[in-house]
């Protein structure tokens, strides 16, 4: 029996197709436009190269600002500051750790990091979010409860049963766990405004000052009910185990996240973050039929409350694992799949476009700014490698007559010069990488220094294999309606 295609379905499919089609148009533009308008192609490539240089400069600037701010905040005794504020006793933290088939030692390390924080009150509740389909879930729960029961006022364990309308993943798991927390809070007659929910990945090592800092920031924040709170989640926990291809990708991701932290107007939380139960309840928690949940929950809140919704930066560090499966090929495959899953966030475009028309009460320019930022992020993700590395050489090849013009002659040289200037920013990236790992006790051995420098020559290959290509696959799948499945990223 054929499924009926409704007008609503066609609209959503049209919205889904916008960014993937633009990605393919921009990537192939030098091939199909050069025979007719090679000068237009050349100006487009130069403009894109200059834009990329601007992005490289701003990333360097904001990463530096973030790093300096982190150094400044390290010395602030937030645990003492909240002790001076009597209302801080009313704040209770529930840390939800959604997990599925995670190694027990990873969960133990994550929980131990929670215990080691300098938060002065015993107001941190642990929530272990298991999936009922995992056979070992209850055995793990019993073990962890027995081992850590003295360290928390209570440990809640949830076993998410996947419903027909749900998609496996963090979003559906977290919603199930958060609803259990909500019931727990109501039974104790606690105010939802005083309940902070922290979503903690199963391999995230929370900073020592995280909960003290978060509590202080939350109490000082006049608009706290409408805010998320985020510290950069860096991929350094297993740094020296990684193959150098994956190591370089982990470094780039970590520096980019550091740079995001200081871009307050565009900041959206990733991976491990906090917000209050009141806000989550108002937006009906996470949508259970999506895969990439961190940006999506932000847009859920934004299209409910408008410009009041923001992500507040916390200038401290969270350390977690990069993809590692032991063998090089297996690790590479899993890293590719992880990037593809992240890039599936392009599916949020149709959600935001639909909400654009359904929320007349929210400022139209604020909505446009948020949607354009989302589209720009995903377009750059797929197209940058192709336009920066090979596009400049295509117009003279496709249109030999253009090669004899001044513009045709200087295009590859000018494009190469701009790319070289952009690459100079890597010097600071190397420095920040070194300093950040030092702060997280991932020190650099002298014998490793040559490899840390040489690896950057392979940046184009790494960017293609573990960034642009999986992102392009995600876009193409969305374009043709071929959904991806959530796969737990292996980290051994």
Protein backbone atom coordinates (compact mmCIF):
# COMPACT_ATOMS: atom_id res chain seq x y z
CA UNK A 1 0.00 0.00 0.00
CA UNK A 2 1.46 3.35 -1.03
CA UNK A 3 1.92 6.02 1.55
CA UNK A 4 -0.12 9.15 0.90
CA UNK A 5 1.99 12.25 0.31
CA UNK A 6 0.42 15.25 2.00
CA UNK A 7 1.01 18.94 1.34
CA UNK A 8 2.75 19.18 4.72
CA UNK A 9 5.13 16.37 3.76
CA UNK A 10 5.97 18.08 0.45
CA UNK A 11 6.69 21.36 2.24
CA UNK A 12 9.01 19.66 4.72
CA UNK A 13 10.78 17.79 1.92
CA UNK A 14 11.22 21.10 0.06
CA UNK A 15 12.68 22.73 3.17
CA UNK A 16 14.97 19.72 3.70
CA UNK A 17 16.31 20.06 0.16
CA UNK A 18 17.31 23.74 0.27
CA UNK A 19 20.76 23.53 1.90
CA UNK A 20 21.78 20.18 0.33
CA UNK A 21 20.95 21.55 -3.13
CA UNK A 22 22.89 24.74 -2.40
CA UNK A 23 25.85 22.62 -1.27
CA UNK A 24 25.92 20.71 -4.56
CA UNK A 25 25.42 23.90 -6.60
CA UNK A 26 28.38 25.63 -4.92
CA UNK A 27 30.66 22.58 -5.16
CA UNK A 28 29.96 21.98 -8.85
CA UNK A 29 29.61 25.65 -9.89
CA UNK A 30 33.16 25.93 -11.36
CA UNK A 31 32.46 22.95 -13.63
CA UNK A 32 29.12 23.96 -15.15
CA UNK A 33 29.49 27.75 -15.15
CA UNK A 34 33.10 28.13 -16.32
CA UNK A 35 32.35 27.35 -20.00
CA UNK A 36 29.97 30.30 -20.15
CA UNK A 37 30.98 32.79 -17.43
CA UNK A 38 34.48 31.95 -16.16
CA UNK A 39 34.99 35.47 -14.77
CA UNK A 40 31.90 35.10 -12.55
CA UNK A 41 33.31 31.82 -11.25
CA UNK A 42 36.69 33.44 -10.58
CA UNK A 43 35.17 36.30 -8.62
CA UNK A 44 33.05 33.84 -6.64
CA UNK A 45 36.14 31.78 -5.72
CA UNK A 46 38.12 34.88 -4.69
CA UNK A 47 35.20 36.15 -2.63
CA UNK A 48 34.82 32.77 -0.92
CA UNK A 49 38.57 32.59 -0.22
CA UNK A 50 38.49 36.06 1.35
CA UNK A 51 35.47 35.07 3.42
CA UNK A 52 37.31 31.96 4.61
CA UNK A 53 40.31 34.13 5.55
CA UNK A 54 37.96 36.33 7.57
CA UNK A 55 36.55 33.25 9.32
CA UNK A 56 40.07 31.98 10.07
CA UNK A 57 41.03 35.34 11.57
CA UNK A 58 37.89 35.60 13.70
CA UNK A 59 38.27 31.99 14.89
CA UNK A 60 41.84 32.77 15.95
CA UNK A 61 40.75 35.95 17.70
CA UNK A 62 37.84 34.38 19.60
CA UNK A 63 39.84 31.27 20.54
CA UNK A 64 42.49 33.54 22.06
CA UNK A 65 39.87 35.57 23.94
CA UNK A 66 38.28 32.38 25.27
CA UNK A 67 41.60 30.96 26.41
CA UNK A 68 42.52 34.17 28.25
CA UNK A 69 39.08 34.24 29.89
CA UNK A 70 39.49 30.63 31.03
CA UNK A 71 42.84 31.49 32.62
CA UNK A 72 41.21 34.43 34.40
CA UNK A 73 38.32 32.33 35.74
CA UNK A 74 40.53 29.49 37.00
CA UNK A 75 41.58 31.61 39.97
CA UNK A 76 38.05 32.67 40.99
CA UNK A 77 36.84 30.69 44.04
CA UNK A 78 33.22 30.23 42.97
CA UNK A 79 32.66 27.66 45.72
CA UNK A 80 33.32 30.43 48.26
CA UNK A 81 31.20 32.97 46.40
CA UNK A 82 28.09 30.79 46.38
CA UNK A 83 28.66 30.10 50.07
CA UNK A 84 28.01 33.79 50.70
CA UNK A 85 24.64 33.59 48.94
CA UNK A 86 22.04 31.78 51.07
CA UNK A 87 19.77 31.16 48.07
CA UNK A 88 22.44 28.87 46.61
CA UNK A 89 21.26 26.22 49.09
CA UNK A 90 17.95 26.06 47.22
CA UNK A 91 19.62 25.08 43.94
CA UNK A 92 19.68 21.37 43.20
CA UNK A 93 21.61 19.78 40.37
CA UNK A 94 20.46 16.69 38.49
CA UNK A 95 23.13 15.25 36.21
CA UNK A 96 21.65 13.06 33.49
CA UNK A 97 24.11 10.66 31.87
CA UNK A 98 22.37 9.16 28.83
CA UNK A 99 24.17 6.00 27.79
CA UNK A 100 23.87 2.85 25.72
CA UNK A 101 26.42 0.03 25.75
CA UNK A 102 29.04 2.31 27.28
CA UNK A 103 31.99 0.54 28.96
CA UNK A 104 31.55 0.46 32.72
CA UNK A 105 34.96 2.02 33.34
CA UNK A 106 33.95 5.05 31.23
CA UNK A 107 30.83 5.59 33.32
CA UNK A 108 32.85 5.22 36.50
CA UNK A 109 35.39 7.83 35.36
CA UNK A 110 32.59 10.26 34.48
CA UNK A 111 30.93 9.79 37.87
CA UNK A 112 34.22 10.15 39.73
CA UNK A 113 34.73 13.52 38.03
CA UNK A 114 31.37 14.62 39.45
CA UNK A 115 32.46 13.58 42.93
CA UNK A 116 35.75 15.48 42.65
CA UNK A 117 34.16 18.90 41.98
CA UNK A 118 34.57 21.67 44.54
CA UNK A 119 30.81 22.25 44.83
CA UNK A 120 30.30 22.81 48.59
CA UNK A 121 26.82 21.26 49.00
CA UNK A 122 25.54 17.72 48.69
CA UNK A 123 22.91 18.85 46.20
CA UNK A 124 24.07 16.91 43.13
CA UNK A 125 21.74 14.05 42.13
CA UNK A 126 22.95 11.43 39.69
CA UNK A 127 20.59 10.21 36.95
CA UNK A 128 21.76 7.18 34.99
CA UNK A 129 19.80 7.10 31.73
CA UNK A 130 19.94 3.54 30.40
CA UNK A 131 18.16 2.00 27.44
CA UNK A 132 15.91 -0.96 28.28
CA UNK A 133 17.13 -2.79 25.16
CA UNK A 134 20.64 -3.04 26.64
CA UNK A 135 20.90 -6.43 28.37
CA UNK A 136 23.63 -5.34 30.80
CA UNK A 137 21.85 -2.11 31.84
CA UNK A 138 20.40 -3.33 35.15
CA UNK A 139 23.63 -5.06 36.14
CA UNK A 140 25.54 -1.84 35.51
CA UNK A 141 22.95 0.19 37.41
CA UNK A 142 23.14 -2.05 40.49
CA UNK A 143 26.94 -1.93 40.47
CA UNK A 144 27.13 1.85 40.08
CA UNK A 145 24.45 2.52 42.70
CA UNK A 146 26.22 0.33 45.20
CA UNK A 147 29.61 1.87 44.51
CA UNK A 148 28.58 5.55 44.53
CA UNK A 149 25.46 5.72 46.73
CA UNK A 150 27.40 7.46 49.54
CA UNK A 151 28.50 10.24 47.20
CA UNK A 152 25.06 11.53 46.19
CA UNK A 153 21.85 12.30 48.09
CA UNK A 154 20.12 9.99 45.60
CA UNK A 155 20.86 8.07 42.41
CA UNK A 156 18.01 7.70 39.93
CA UNK A 157 18.14 5.02 37.26
CA UNK A 158 15.91 5.12 34.21
CA UNK A 159 15.36 2.48 31.53
CA UNK A 160 14.08 4.09 28.37
CA UNK A 161 11.68 1.95 26.36
CA UNK A 162 11.79 3.00 22.70
CA UNK A 163 8.30 3.85 21.43
CA UNK A 164 7.21 3.53 17.76
CA UNK A 165 7.31 7.30 17.12
CA UNK A 166 10.76 7.72 18.71
CA UNK A 167 14.24 7.59 17.21
CA UNK A 168 17.04 5.87 19.16
CA UNK A 169 19.54 8.37 20.53
CA UNK A 170 20.25 10.94 23.19
CA UNK A 171 17.10 13.00 22.64
CA UNK A 172 14.56 10.27 23.37
CA UNK A 173 16.67 8.90 26.24
CA UNK A 174 17.09 12.33 27.86
CA UNK A 175 13.41 13.17 27.57
CA UNK A 176 12.48 9.92 29.32
CA UNK A 177 15.04 10.57 32.09
CA UNK A 178 14.09 14.24 32.50
CA UNK A 179 10.42 13.33 32.93
CA UNK A 180 11.41 10.96 35.74
CA UNK A 181 13.35 13.84 37.32
CA UNK A 182 10.31 16.10 36.91
CA UNK A 183 8.12 13.60 38.79
CA UNK A 184 10.78 13.28 41.49
CA UNK A 185 10.92 17.07 41.90
CA UNK A 186 7.13 17.35 42.13
CA UNK A 187 6.95 14.64 44.80
CA UNK A 188 9.43 16.64 46.88
CA UNK A 189 7.57 19.93 46.27
CA UNK A 190 10.68 21.63 44.91
CA UNK A 191 10.49 24.61 42.59
CA UNK A 192 11.40 23.75 39.00
CA UNK A 193 13.13 27.12 38.72
CA UNK A 194 15.65 25.93 41.33
CA UNK A 195 16.42 22.67 39.55
CA UNK A 196 19.38 22.67 37.17
CA UNK A 197 19.63 19.80 34.70
CA UNK A 198 23.06 18.99 33.31
CA UNK A 199 23.26 16.70 30.30
CA UNK A 200 26.58 14.90 30.64
CA UNK A 201 27.92 12.58 27.95
CA UNK A 202 29.07 9.21 29.25
CA UNK A 203 32.72 10.12 28.61
CA UNK A 204 32.63 13.77 29.74
CA UNK A 205 34.89 14.71 32.65
CA UNK A 206 33.26 17.75 34.25
CA UNK A 207 35.64 20.50 35.41
CA UNK A 208 36.36 20.74 39.12
CA UNK A 209 34.73 24.19 39.37
CA UNK A 210 31.82 23.49 37.00
CA UNK A 211 28.91 23.24 39.45
CA UNK A 212 30.11 26.06 41.69
CA UNK A 213 30.64 28.27 38.63
CA UNK A 214 27.30 27.24 37.11
CA UNK A 215 25.41 27.89 40.36
CA UNK A 216 27.01 31.31 40.78
CA UNK A 217 26.33 32.28 37.16
CA UNK A 218 22.74 31.05 37.38
CA UNK A 219 21.99 33.02 40.54
CA UNK A 220 23.54 36.20 39.11
CA UNK A 221 21.67 35.86 35.82
CA UNK A 222 18.44 37.93 35.75
CA UNK A 223 17.17 36.01 32.71
CA UNK A 224 18.33 32.60 33.94
CA UNK A 225 15.06 30.84 33.21
CA UNK A 226 15.61 31.34 29.48
CA UNK A 227 19.26 30.38 29.29
CA UNK A 228 21.41 27.36 28.59
CA UNK A 229 24.93 27.19 30.06
CA UNK A 230 27.90 25.66 28.29
CA UNK A 231 31.62 25.13 28.75
CA UNK A 232 33.72 23.95 25.78
CA UNK A 233 33.89 20.17 25.52
CA UNK A 234 37.41 19.36 24.34
CA UNK A 235 38.44 16.02 22.80
CA UNK A 236 41.69 15.44 24.68
CA UNK A 237 40.96 12.71 27.21
CA UNK A 238 42.45 9.93 25.06
CA UNK A 239 44.62 12.17 22.86
CA UNK A 240 47.80 10.09 22.76
CA UNK A 241 45.95 6.88 21.94
CA UNK A 242 44.56 8.32 18.71
CA UNK A 243 45.93 7.74 15.21
CA UNK A 244 47.42 11.06 14.09
CA UNK A 245 44.65 11.58 11.48
CA UNK A 246 42.02 11.46 14.20
CA UNK A 247 44.26 13.39 16.59
CA UNK A 248 44.39 16.32 14.21
CA UNK A 249 40.62 16.28 13.78
CA UNK A 250 40.24 16.24 17.58
CA UNK A 251 42.54 19.26 17.84
CA UNK A 252 40.62 21.24 15.22
CA UNK A 253 37.26 20.43 16.81
CA UNK A 254 38.58 21.47 20.23
CA UNK A 255 39.96 24.81 18.99
CA UNK A 256 36.73 25.58 17.12
CA UNK A 257 34.68 24.87 20.24
CA UNK A 258 37.00 27.13 22.21
CA UNK A 259 36.40 29.89 19.64
CA UNK A 260 32.60 29.41 19.79
CA UNK A 261 32.66 30.15 23.51
CA UNK A 262 33.31 33.88 23.10
CA UNK A 263 30.92 34.38 20.18
CA UNK A 264 28.06 35.07 22.55
CA UNK A 265 25.53 36.22 19.95
CA UNK A 266 25.77 32.95 18.03
CA UNK A 267 26.71 30.58 20.84
CA UNK A 268 24.72 27.32 20.95
CA UNK A 269 25.59 24.50 23.33
CA UNK A 270 27.16 21.22 22.21
CA UNK A 271 27.32 17.78 23.83
CA UNK A 272 27.44 18.52 27.60
CA UNK A 273 25.44 21.49 28.92
CA UNK A 274 23.02 22.73 31.59
CA UNK A 275 19.66 24.46 31.84
CA UNK A 276 16.75 24.59 34.28
CA UNK A 277 13.88 22.16 34.62
CA UNK A 278 11.28 24.94 34.27
CA UNK A 279 12.45 25.73 30.73
CA UNK A 280 12.65 22.08 29.72
CA UNK A 281 9.13 21.49 31.00
CA UNK A 282 7.79 24.53 29.12
CA UNK A 283 9.13 23.26 25.79
CA UNK A 284 8.10 19.65 26.53
CA UNK A 285 11.70 18.46 26.84
CA UNK A 286 13.62 17.19 23.78
CA UNK A 287 11.80 16.20 20.62
CA UNK A 288 12.03 12.40 20.56
CA UNK A 289 12.04 11.95 16.78
CA UNK A 290 15.35 13.67 16.00
CA UNK A 291 19.02 12.66 16.16
CA UNK A 292 21.16 15.80 16.74
CA UNK A 293 19.60 17.11 19.95
CA UNK A 294 21.87 19.86 21.32
CA UNK A 295 21.23 22.58 18.72
CA UNK A 296 17.68 21.34 18.21
CA UNK A 297 16.70 21.90 21.84
CA UNK A 298 18.05 25.45 21.55
CA UNK A 299 15.80 26.10 18.54
CA UNK A 300 12.86 24.48 20.32
CA UNK A 301 13.30 27.01 23.11
CA UNK A 302 13.99 29.91 20.74
CA UNK A 303 10.78 29.36 18.76
CA UNK A 304 8.86 29.26 22.04
CA UNK A 305 10.34 32.26 23.86
CA UNK A 306 12.16 34.19 21.12
CA UNK A 307 15.19 36.38 21.72
CA UNK A 308 15.23 35.74 25.45
CA UNK A 309 16.75 32.34 24.73
CA UNK A 310 20.54 32.40 24.84
CA UNK A 311 23.46 30.13 25.67
CA UNK A 312 25.67 31.61 28.38
CA UNK A 313 29.39 30.76 28.22
CA UNK A 314 31.14 29.17 31.19
CA UNK A 315 34.87 29.79 31.02
CA UNK A 316 36.06 26.43 32.24
CA UNK A 317 36.96 23.15 30.49
CA UNK A 318 35.22 19.82 30.04
CA UNK A 319 37.37 16.99 28.76
CA UNK A 320 36.05 14.00 26.84
CA UNK A 321 37.18 11.26 24.47
CA UNK A 322 37.65 11.51 20.75
CA UNK A 323 36.60 8.50 18.67
CA UNK A 324 38.90 5.54 19.24
CA UNK A 325 38.15 1.93 18.36
CA UNK A 326 41.64 0.47 18.62
CA UNK A 327 42.46 -0.42 15.01
CA UNK A 328 43.17 2.46 12.60
CA UNK A 329 40.58 1.51 9.95
CA UNK A 330 37.85 0.87 12.51
CA UNK A 331 38.61 4.15 14.27
CA UNK A 332 38.53 6.01 10.95
CA UNK A 333 35.19 4.46 10.01
CA UNK A 334 33.64 5.37 13.35
CA UNK A 335 35.01 8.92 13.14
CA UNK A 336 33.44 9.26 9.68
CA UNK A 337 30.09 8.02 11.03
CA UNK A 338 30.25 10.44 13.97
CA UNK A 339 30.86 13.41 11.68
CA UNK A 340 28.00 12.29 9.45
CA UNK A 341 25.71 12.15 12.48
CA UNK A 342 26.76 15.64 13.56
CA UNK A 343 26.23 16.94 10.01
CA UNK A 344 22.72 15.48 10.08
CA UNK A 345 21.96 18.64 12.05
CA UNK A 346 21.22 20.11 8.61
CA UNK A 347 17.80 18.52 9.12
CA UNK A 348 17.14 21.32 11.63
CA UNK A 349 16.80 23.69 8.67
CA UNK A 350 13.35 22.37 7.77
CA UNK A 351 12.31 22.52 11.43
CA UNK A 352 13.39 26.17 11.77
CA UNK A 353 11.81 27.19 8.45
CA UNK A 354 8.52 25.61 9.45
CA UNK A 355 8.65 27.37 12.83
CA UNK A 356 9.48 30.64 11.08
CA UNK A 357 5.97 30.75 9.61
CA UNK A 358 4.24 29.44 12.74
CA UNK A 359 5.64 31.98 15.21
CA UNK A 360 4.48 35.49 14.17
CA UNK A 361 4.96 36.69 17.76
CA UNK A 362 8.76 36.37 17.48
CA UNK A 363 10.80 39.13 15.83
CA UNK A 364 11.23 38.29 12.15
CA UNK A 365 14.83 39.54 11.97
CA UNK A 366 15.83 37.53 15.04
CA UNK A 367 14.39 34.42 13.38
CA UNK A 368 16.15 35.14 10.09
CA UNK A 369 19.48 35.67 11.86
CA UNK A 370 19.22 32.32 13.64
CA UNK A 371 18.21 30.45 10.48
CA UNK A 372 20.92 32.07 8.34
CA UNK A 373 23.56 31.18 10.95
CA UNK A 374 22.39 27.56 10.92
CA UNK A 375 22.41 27.39 7.11
CA UNK A 376 25.81 29.09 6.86
CA UNK A 377 27.36 26.62 9.32
CA UNK A 378 26.19 23.62 7.34
CA UNK A 379 27.07 25.12 3.95
CA UNK A 380 30.64 25.89 5.00
CA UNK A 381 30.93 22.41 6.44
CA UNK A 382 30.31 20.71 3.09
CA UNK A 383 31.71 23.18 0.58
CA UNK A 384 34.90 24.67 2.08
CA UNK A 385 37.29 21.86 1.14
CA UNK A 386 36.18 21.76 -2.51
CA UNK A 387 36.15 25.51 -3.10
CA UNK A 388 39.42 26.18 -1.29
CA UNK A 389 41.51 23.34 -2.73
CA UNK A 390 40.42 22.51 -6.27
CA UNK A 391 37.96 25.14 -7.56
CA UNK A 392 40.58 27.69 -8.64
CA UNK A 393 42.18 25.21 -11.05
CA UNK A 394 38.93 24.27 -12.78
CA UNK A 395 37.98 27.40 -14.83
CA UNK A 396 41.26 27.41 -16.86
CA UNK A 397 40.91 23.68 -17.50
CA UNK A 398 37.27 23.80 -18.56
CA UNK A 399 37.69 27.01 -20.54
CA UNK A 400 41.23 27.22 -22.03
CA UNK A 401 40.54 30.67 -23.49
CA UNK A 402 40.03 32.01 -19.96
CA UNK A 403 43.51 30.83 -19.03
CA UNK A 404 44.99 33.40 -21.45
CA UNK A 405 43.25 36.30 -19.67
CA UNK A 406 44.82 38.21 -16.78
CA UNK A 407 42.14 36.99 -14.38
CA UNK A 408 42.57 33.40 -15.54
CA UNK A 409 46.33 33.65 -15.02
CA UNK A 410 46.23 35.13 -11.52
CA UNK A 411 43.24 33.17 -10.14
CA UNK A 412 45.18 30.06 -8.95
CA UNK A 413 48.01 32.23 -7.58
CA UNK A 414 45.71 34.64 -5.76
CA UNK A 415 43.62 31.80 -4.37
CA UNK A 416 46.78 30.04 -3.17
CA UNK A 417 48.04 33.23 -1.50
CA UNK A 418 44.79 33.75 0.41
CA UNK A 419 44.77 30.11 1.49
CA UNK A 420 48.38 30.42 2.68
CA UNK A 421 47.47 33.47 4.76
CA UNK A 422 44.59 31.50 6.27
CA UNK A 423 46.93 28.61 7.04
CA UNK A 424 49.19 30.89 9.10
CA UNK A 425 46.47 30.83 11.76
CA UNK A 426 47.47 27.21 12.41
CA UNK A 427 50.51 28.51 14.29
CA UNK A 428 48.25 29.82 17.03
CA UNK A 429 46.12 26.67 16.89
CA UNK A 430 49.25 24.60 17.61
CA UNK A 431 50.09 26.86 20.57
CA UNK A 432 46.57 26.75 22.00
CA UNK A 433 46.42 23.00 21.49
CA UNK A 434 49.64 22.61 23.49
CA UNK A 435 48.43 24.87 26.31
CA UNK A 436 44.96 23.32 26.56
CA UNK A 437 46.32 19.80 26.76
CA UNK A 438 48.75 20.97 29.42
CA UNK A 439 45.81 22.26 31.49
CA UNK A 440 44.08 18.89 31.09
CA UNK A 441 47.19 16.86 32.01
CA UNK A 442 47.76 15.65 28.45
CA UNK A 443 51.36 16.83 28.22
CA UNK A 444 53.43 16.70 25.06
CA UNK A 445 56.43 14.39 24.95
CA UNK A 446 59.51 15.77 23.19
CA UNK A 447 59.55 12.79 20.83
CA UNK A 448 56.02 13.68 19.71
CA UNK A 449 56.79 17.26 18.71
CA UNK A 450 57.90 16.49 15.11
CA UNK A 451 54.69 14.50 14.46
CA UNK A 452 52.52 17.29 15.89
CA UNK A 453 54.04 19.69 13.36
CA UNK A 454 54.20 17.35 10.35
CA UNK A 455 50.57 16.25 10.74
CA UNK A 456 49.31 19.68 9.67
CA UNK A 457 50.61 19.11 6.14
CA UNK A 458 47.92 16.45 5.86
CA UNK A 459 45.16 18.86 6.84
CA UNK A 460 43.50 18.88 3.35
CA UNK A 461 43.26 15.07 3.37
CA UNK A 462 41.88 14.99 6.91
CA UNK A 463 39.38 17.78 6.16
CA UNK A 464 38.12 15.89 3.13
CA UNK A 465 37.85 12.42 4.69
CA UNK A 466 36.55 13.34 8.13
CA UNK A 467 34.65 16.57 7.57
CA UNK A 468 33.50 17.53 4.09
CA UNK A 469 32.82 14.04 2.73
CA UNK A 470 30.69 12.73 5.64
CA UNK A 471 28.86 16.07 5.77
CA UNK A 472 28.16 15.89 2.04
CA UNK A 473 26.86 12.34 2.45
CA UNK A 474 24.52 13.54 5.21
CA UNK A 475 23.24 16.36 2.96
CA UNK A 476 22.76 14.01 0.02
CA UNK A 477 20.91 11.48 2.13
CA UNK A 478 18.59 14.20 3.39
CA UNK A 479 18.06 15.42 -0.18
CA UNK A 480 16.86 11.97 -1.27
CA UNK A 481 14.99 11.18 1.93
CA UNK A 482 17.44 8.48 3.07
CA UNK A 483 17.56 8.87 6.84
CA UNK A 484 20.57 7.88 8.90
CA UNK A 485 20.44 5.73 12.03
CA UNK A 486 21.89 6.76 15.36
CA UNK A 487 25.03 4.79 16.06
CA UNK A 488 26.82 4.97 19.40
CA UNK A 489 30.35 6.21 18.81
CA UNK A 490 32.83 3.62 20.03
CA UNK A 491 35.43 4.93 22.48
CA UNK A 492 37.54 2.20 24.03
